[in-house]
Amino acid sequence: MNPAAPSQPVQTGAAATPAPATPAAPAHAAPAPTPAPAPLIELRGVSKVYGQGQTAFLALKGVDLQIAAGEFVAIMGPSGSGKSTAMNLLGCLDTASAGEYRFRGVPLQGLQRDELALLRRQYFGFVFQGFYLLARTTALENVELPLVYRGLPAKQRHAAARAALAAVGLSPWEHHTPAELSGGQQQRVAIARAIVTEPQVLLADEPTGNLDSQRGHEIMALIQGLSRERGLTVLMVTHEPDIAAYASRLVRFVDGRVASDQPNPNPVVPAPAPAPAGAV
């Protein structure tokens, strides 16, 4: 017998017993569930301590937080609650004392200062309560500044800065200095500067704090619109409920911990209207 040849079933009697049939697969099998996408930002048991010994202050206490790409999250809480510390960590302006911070699934522990600076430059944009514009430079030049640090040629910088100013409704004011602009216009320049690099995350720390009520709501409508149109993830610190109402999710800190984390089912959606010329 050839050992390489396949063996043949041996029949005895009239016929061999047939092998049992394999059950047919259901005609309409349910598709496998799609795994949930990994969060863009994730804090795992993050703590932050300032000082040492008896003067040590625990600003964050084992914070867990996940933020998906494209979310608009308002971070709230009383003074000393840890919300600003959390914002500094999320924006890579500070580092955690314990726990893990993951951005796009990558742990950031152990990165050096220049590596964190590169990360900020590539992925984050910042807007503050103070506008922090260079006083003797035009709106266009202020918006170009992050691109100078990236080493882009002048022609590309000009084009990108003009597009960013157009996105915030300030094309006619590109050659004006901050002294020639209102507070609302200055904050629009600051927002244009934050988005000119096309970041994935916009961090806004009390962005309406230096504005009156009307201008503040105009700025919030602008930030909300940028988030929706560009898929921009927005993390905003505020103590004002009417400003937080523009966000799709509300996270409240108390005593260094996340006290509540809830979706906002009805975020404010302002009626679309062009910004009044010269009045913002």
Protein backbone atom coordinates (compact mmCIF):
# COMPACT_ATOMS: atom_id res chain seq x y z
CA MET A 1 0.00 0.00 0.00
CA ASN A 2 1.19 3.45 -0.85
CA PRO A 3 1.39 5.40 2.49
CA ALA A 4 0.98 8.70 0.69
CA ALA A 5 -2.35 7.80 -0.89
CA PRO A 6 -5.49 8.97 0.91
CA SER A 7 -7.25 6.22 2.78
CA GLN A 8 -10.60 5.03 1.35
CA PRO A 9 -13.67 4.22 3.45
CA VAL A 10 -14.21 0.48 3.76
CA GLN A 11 -17.75 -0.67 2.89
CA THR A 12 -19.28 -3.79 4.35
CA GLY A 13 -22.68 -5.11 3.43
CA ALA A 14 -25.00 -3.31 1.01
CA ALA A 15 -24.01 0.30 1.67
CA ALA A 16 -21.94 2.41 4.01
CA THR A 17 -23.64 4.54 6.67
CA PRO A 18 -23.66 8.18 5.44
CA ALA A 19 -21.79 10.77 7.53
CA PRO A 20 -24.02 13.15 9.50
CA ALA A 21 -24.81 16.36 7.61
CA THR A 22 -23.18 19.63 8.76
CA PRO A 23 -25.82 22.10 10.04
CA ALA A 24 -26.40 24.93 7.58
CA ALA A 25 -25.46 28.43 8.70
CA PRO A 26 -28.41 30.73 9.41
CA ALA A 27 -29.52 32.57 6.31
CA HIS A 28 -29.30 35.94 8.05
CA ALA A 29 -26.53 35.69 10.62
CA ALA A 30 -26.13 38.78 12.79
CA PRO A 31 -22.98 40.77 11.92
CA ALA A 32 -20.23 40.89 14.50
CA PRO A 33 -20.47 44.03 16.66
CA THR A 34 -18.19 46.87 15.60
CA PRO A 35 -15.69 47.65 18.36
CA ALA A 36 -16.01 51.11 19.84
CA PRO A 37 -13.30 53.52 18.67
CA ALA A 38 -10.54 54.25 21.15
CA PRO A 39 -10.94 57.61 22.92
CA LEU A 40 -8.87 60.49 21.59
CA ILE A 41 -7.98 61.47 25.16
CA GLU A 42 -7.92 59.24 28.22
CA LEU A 43 -6.92 59.84 31.83
CA ARG A 44 -6.46 56.75 34.01
CA GLY A 45 -6.16 57.29 37.74
CA VAL A 46 -4.41 60.63 37.27
CA SER A 47 -3.24 62.54 40.34
CA LYS A 48 -1.31 65.78 40.64
CA VAL A 49 0.61 66.92 43.71
CA TYR A 50 2.09 70.38 44.17
CA GLY A 51 4.76 70.90 46.81
CA GLN A 52 6.34 68.41 49.19
CA GLY A 53 6.04 67.25 52.77
CA GLN A 54 3.62 69.13 54.97
CA THR A 55 3.03 71.76 52.28
CA ALA A 56 2.05 69.20 49.63
CA PHE A 57 -1.31 69.85 48.00
CA LEU A 58 -3.17 67.13 46.11
CA ALA A 59 -4.88 69.01 43.27
CA LEU A 60 -6.16 65.94 41.40
CA LYS A 61 -7.10 62.66 43.06
CA GLY A 62 -7.27 59.60 40.80
CA VAL A 63 -9.14 61.18 37.91
CA ASP A 64 -10.54 58.90 35.19
CA LEU A 65 -11.79 60.62 32.05
CA GLN A 66 -12.34 59.64 28.42
CA ILE A 67 -12.99 62.10 25.59
CA ALA A 68 -13.89 61.04 22.07
CA ALA A 69 -12.81 62.85 18.93
CA GLY A 70 -15.18 65.67 18.02
CA GLU A 71 -16.72 66.10 21.47
CA PHE A 72 -17.38 69.54 22.93
CA VAL A 73 -16.79 69.20 26.68
CA ALA A 74 -17.33 71.91 29.28
CA ILE A 75 -15.23 71.46 32.43
CA MET A 76 -16.77 73.19 35.44
CA GLY A 77 -16.27 73.48 39.17
CA PRO A 78 -15.62 75.97 41.96
CA SER A 79 -12.24 77.58 42.59
CA GLY A 80 -9.72 74.99 43.78
CA SER A 81 -11.73 72.09 42.36
CA GLY A 82 -8.95 70.95 40.03
CA LYS A 83 -10.51 71.97 36.73
CA SER A 84 -7.64 74.25 35.69
CA THR A 85 -5.07 71.66 36.75
CA ALA A 86 -6.88 69.06 34.65
CA MET A 87 -6.89 71.45 31.69
CA ASN A 88 -3.14 72.01 32.02
CA LEU A 89 -2.54 68.27 32.01
CA LEU A 90 -4.86 67.67 29.06
CA GLY A 91 -3.06 70.38 27.07
CA CYS A 92 0.38 68.93 27.91
CA LEU A 93 1.29 72.14 29.74
CA ASP A 94 1.98 70.09 32.88
CA THR A 95 2.53 66.44 33.75
CA ALA A 96 0.78 64.10 36.17
CA SER A 97 2.35 62.98 39.43
CA ALA A 98 0.70 59.55 39.11
CA GLY A 99 -1.60 57.72 36.71
CA GLU A 100 -1.63 57.62 32.94
CA TYR A 101 -2.52 60.08 30.20
CA ARG A 102 -3.08 58.59 26.75
CA PHE A 103 -3.48 60.68 23.61
CA ARG A 104 -4.57 58.82 20.48
CA GLY A 105 -3.87 55.61 22.38
CA VAL A 106 -0.26 56.55 23.13
CA PRO A 107 0.87 56.98 26.77
CA LEU A 108 2.57 60.34 27.32
CA GLN A 109 4.38 59.53 30.55
CA GLY A 110 8.10 60.03 30.28
CA LEU A 111 8.03 62.49 27.38
CA GLN A 112 10.60 65.26 27.66
CA ARG A 113 9.69 68.95 27.61
CA ASP A 114 10.68 69.39 23.97
CA GLU A 115 8.63 66.33 23.02
CA LEU A 116 5.58 67.72 24.83
CA ALA A 117 6.12 71.07 23.07
CA LEU A 118 6.16 69.29 19.71
CA LEU A 119 2.97 67.46 20.62
CA ARG A 120 1.25 70.73 21.54
CA ARG A 121 2.42 72.39 18.35
CA GLN A 122 1.13 69.54 16.21
CA TYR A 123 -2.21 68.66 17.79
CA PHE A 124 -3.42 71.40 20.16
CA GLY A 125 -4.71 74.94 19.88
CA PHE A 126 -5.19 77.24 22.87
CA VAL A 127 -7.56 80.10 23.65
CA PHE A 128 -7.35 81.96 26.96
CA GLN A 129 -9.37 84.54 28.87
CA GLY A 130 -6.67 87.09 28.06
CA PHE A 131 -6.13 87.41 24.34
CA TYR A 132 -2.30 87.48 24.47
CA LEU A 133 -1.89 89.22 21.13
CA LEU A 134 1.33 91.01 20.18
CA ALA A 135 0.45 94.69 20.50
CA ARG A 136 2.48 96.10 17.60
CA THR A 137 1.65 93.45 15.02
CA THR A 138 -1.41 93.11 12.81
CA ALA A 139 -4.12 90.51 13.16
CA LEU A 140 -2.64 88.64 10.19
CA GLU A 141 0.83 88.60 11.75
CA ASN A 142 -0.53 87.44 15.11
CA VAL A 143 -2.33 84.52 13.45
CA GLU A 144 0.79 83.60 11.47
CA LEU A 145 2.93 83.25 14.58
CA PRO A 146 2.41 79.48 15.20
CA LEU A 147 3.32 78.84 11.57
CA VAL A 148 6.56 80.77 12.00
CA TYR A 149 7.52 78.30 14.72
CA ARG A 150 6.75 75.49 12.29
CA GLY A 151 9.10 77.00 9.74
CA LEU A 152 6.53 77.44 6.97
CA PRO A 153 7.44 79.74 4.05
CA ALA A 154 5.91 83.22 4.11
CA LYS A 155 3.53 82.55 1.21
CA GLN A 156 2.01 79.51 2.94
CA ARG A 157 1.78 81.37 6.24
CA HIS A 158 -0.08 84.28 4.66
CA ALA A 159 -2.57 82.00 2.92
CA ALA A 160 -3.27 79.90 6.02
CA ALA A 161 -3.62 82.97 8.28
CA ARG A 162 -6.04 84.65 5.87
CA ALA A 163 -8.14 81.48 5.73
CA ALA A 164 -8.24 81.30 9.54
CA LEU A 165 -9.26 84.96 9.83
CA ALA A 166 -11.98 84.37 7.25
CA ALA A 167 -13.24 81.42 9.32
CA VAL A 168 -13.78 83.74 12.31
CA GLY A 169 -15.28 86.56 10.23
CA LEU A 170 -12.36 88.98 10.37
CA SER A 171 -11.06 89.18 6.82
CA PRO A 172 -11.63 92.97 6.60
CA TRP A 173 -9.53 93.54 9.76
CA GLU A 174 -6.42 91.52 8.90
CA HIS A 175 -4.18 94.60 8.83
CA HIS A 176 -5.48 96.09 12.09
CA THR A 177 -3.46 95.97 15.30
CA PRO A 178 -5.06 94.84 18.59
CA ALA A 179 -5.49 98.45 19.71
CA GLU A 180 -7.73 99.00 16.68
CA LEU A 181 -9.95 96.02 17.51
CA SER A 182 -12.72 95.51 20.06
CA GLY A 183 -12.46 92.83 22.75
CA GLY A 184 -14.64 90.44 20.78
CA GLN A 185 -12.56 90.97 17.66
CA GLN A 186 -9.35 90.37 19.60
CA GLN A 187 -10.71 87.06 20.88
CA ARG A 188 -11.63 86.12 17.31
CA VAL A 189 -8.02 86.79 16.30
CA ALA A 190 -6.89 84.56 19.18
CA ILE A 191 -9.23 81.80 17.98
CA ALA A 192 -7.92 82.17 14.42
CA ARG A 193 -4.39 81.84 15.78
CA ALA A 194 -5.44 78.66 17.64
CA ILE A 195 -6.97 76.98 14.56
CA VAL A 196 -4.47 78.11 11.92
CA THR A 197 -2.41 74.94 12.48
CA GLU A 198 -5.54 72.79 12.02
CA PRO A 199 -5.28 71.15 15.46
CA GLN A 200 -7.30 68.15 16.59
CA VAL A 201 -8.05 69.67 20.00
CA LEU A 202 -8.99 73.22 20.99
CA LEU A 203 -8.50 74.04 24.67
CA ALA A 204 -10.37 77.14 25.79
CA ASP A 205 -9.80 78.48 29.31
CA GLU A 206 -12.61 80.92 30.22
CA PRO A 207 -12.77 82.18 26.62
CA THR A 208 -15.56 84.67 27.38
CA GLY A 209 -14.24 85.91 30.73
CA ASN A 210 -13.15 89.32 29.41
CA LEU A 211 -16.23 89.93 27.25
CA ASP A 212 -19.70 91.29 27.85
CA SER A 213 -22.66 88.95 27.63
CA GLN A 214 -23.50 89.57 23.97
CA ARG A 215 -19.92 89.24 22.73
CA GLY A 216 -19.45 86.18 24.91
CA HIS A 217 -22.36 84.39 23.28
CA GLU A 218 -21.09 85.38 19.83
CA ILE A 219 -17.73 83.82 20.65
CA MET A 220 -19.42 80.66 21.92
CA ALA A 221 -21.49 80.37 18.77
CA LEU A 222 -18.25 80.66 16.78
CA ILE A 223 -16.46 77.96 18.82
CA GLN A 224 -19.45 75.64 18.62
CA GLY A 225 -19.66 76.15 14.86
CA LEU A 226 -15.95 75.40 14.39
CA SER A 227 -16.35 72.22 16.42
CA ARG A 228 -19.24 70.99 14.30
CA GLU A 229 -17.90 72.04 10.92
CA ARG A 230 -14.35 70.79 11.42
CA GLY A 231 -14.89 67.88 13.81
CA LEU A 232 -12.77 69.79 16.29
CA THR A 233 -12.57 68.41 19.83
CA VAL A 234 -13.19 71.29 22.25
CA LEU A 235 -12.29 71.25 25.94
CA MET A 236 -13.49 74.40 27.69
CA VAL A 237 -13.10 75.51 31.29
CA THR A 238 -15.86 77.84 32.48
CA HIS A 239 -17.73 78.67 35.66
CA GLU A 240 -20.73 80.12 33.81
CA PRO A 241 -23.66 77.73 33.24
CA ASP A 242 -25.00 79.72 30.29
CA ILE A 243 -21.62 79.38 28.55
CA ALA A 244 -21.29 75.67 29.42
CA ALA A 245 -24.73 75.17 27.84
CA TYR A 246 -23.12 75.34 24.38
CA ALA A 247 -21.21 72.11 25.08
CA SER A 248 -22.52 68.61 24.38
CA ARG A 249 -21.09 67.22 27.62
CA LEU A 250 -20.66 68.67 31.11
CA VAL A 251 -17.91 67.47 33.47
CA ARG A 252 -17.89 68.93 36.98
CA PHE A 253 -14.88 68.79 39.31
CA VAL A 254 -15.10 69.05 43.10
CA ASP A 255 -12.12 68.69 45.45
CA GLY A 256 -9.84 67.25 42.80
CA ARG A 257 -12.24 64.57 41.59
CA VAL A 258 -14.82 64.23 38.82
CA ALA A 259 -18.06 64.75 40.73
CA SER A 260 -20.36 64.38 37.70
CA ASP A 261 -20.03 63.63 34.00
CA GLN A 262 -23.22 63.99 31.99
CA PRO A 263 -24.25 64.59 28.39
CA ASN A 264 -26.04 67.82 27.61
CA PRO A 265 -29.07 66.65 25.62
CA ASN A 266 -30.00 70.15 24.46
CA PRO A 267 -26.93 72.29 23.81
CA VAL A 268 -27.60 75.88 22.83
CA VAL A 269 -27.83 76.20 19.06
CA PRO A 270 -27.80 79.86 18.05
CA ALA A 271 -29.55 80.99 14.90
CA PRO A 272 -26.99 81.40 12.10
CA ALA A 273 -26.27 85.05 11.46
CA PRO A 274 -23.25 86.93 10.17
CA ALA A 275 -21.29 88.91 12.72
CA PRO A 276 -22.27 92.59 12.58
CA ALA A 277 -19.55 94.59 10.88
CA GLY A 278 -17.43 96.58 13.30
CA ALA A 279 -19.55 95.62 16.30
CA VAL A 280 -17.82 92.52 17.62
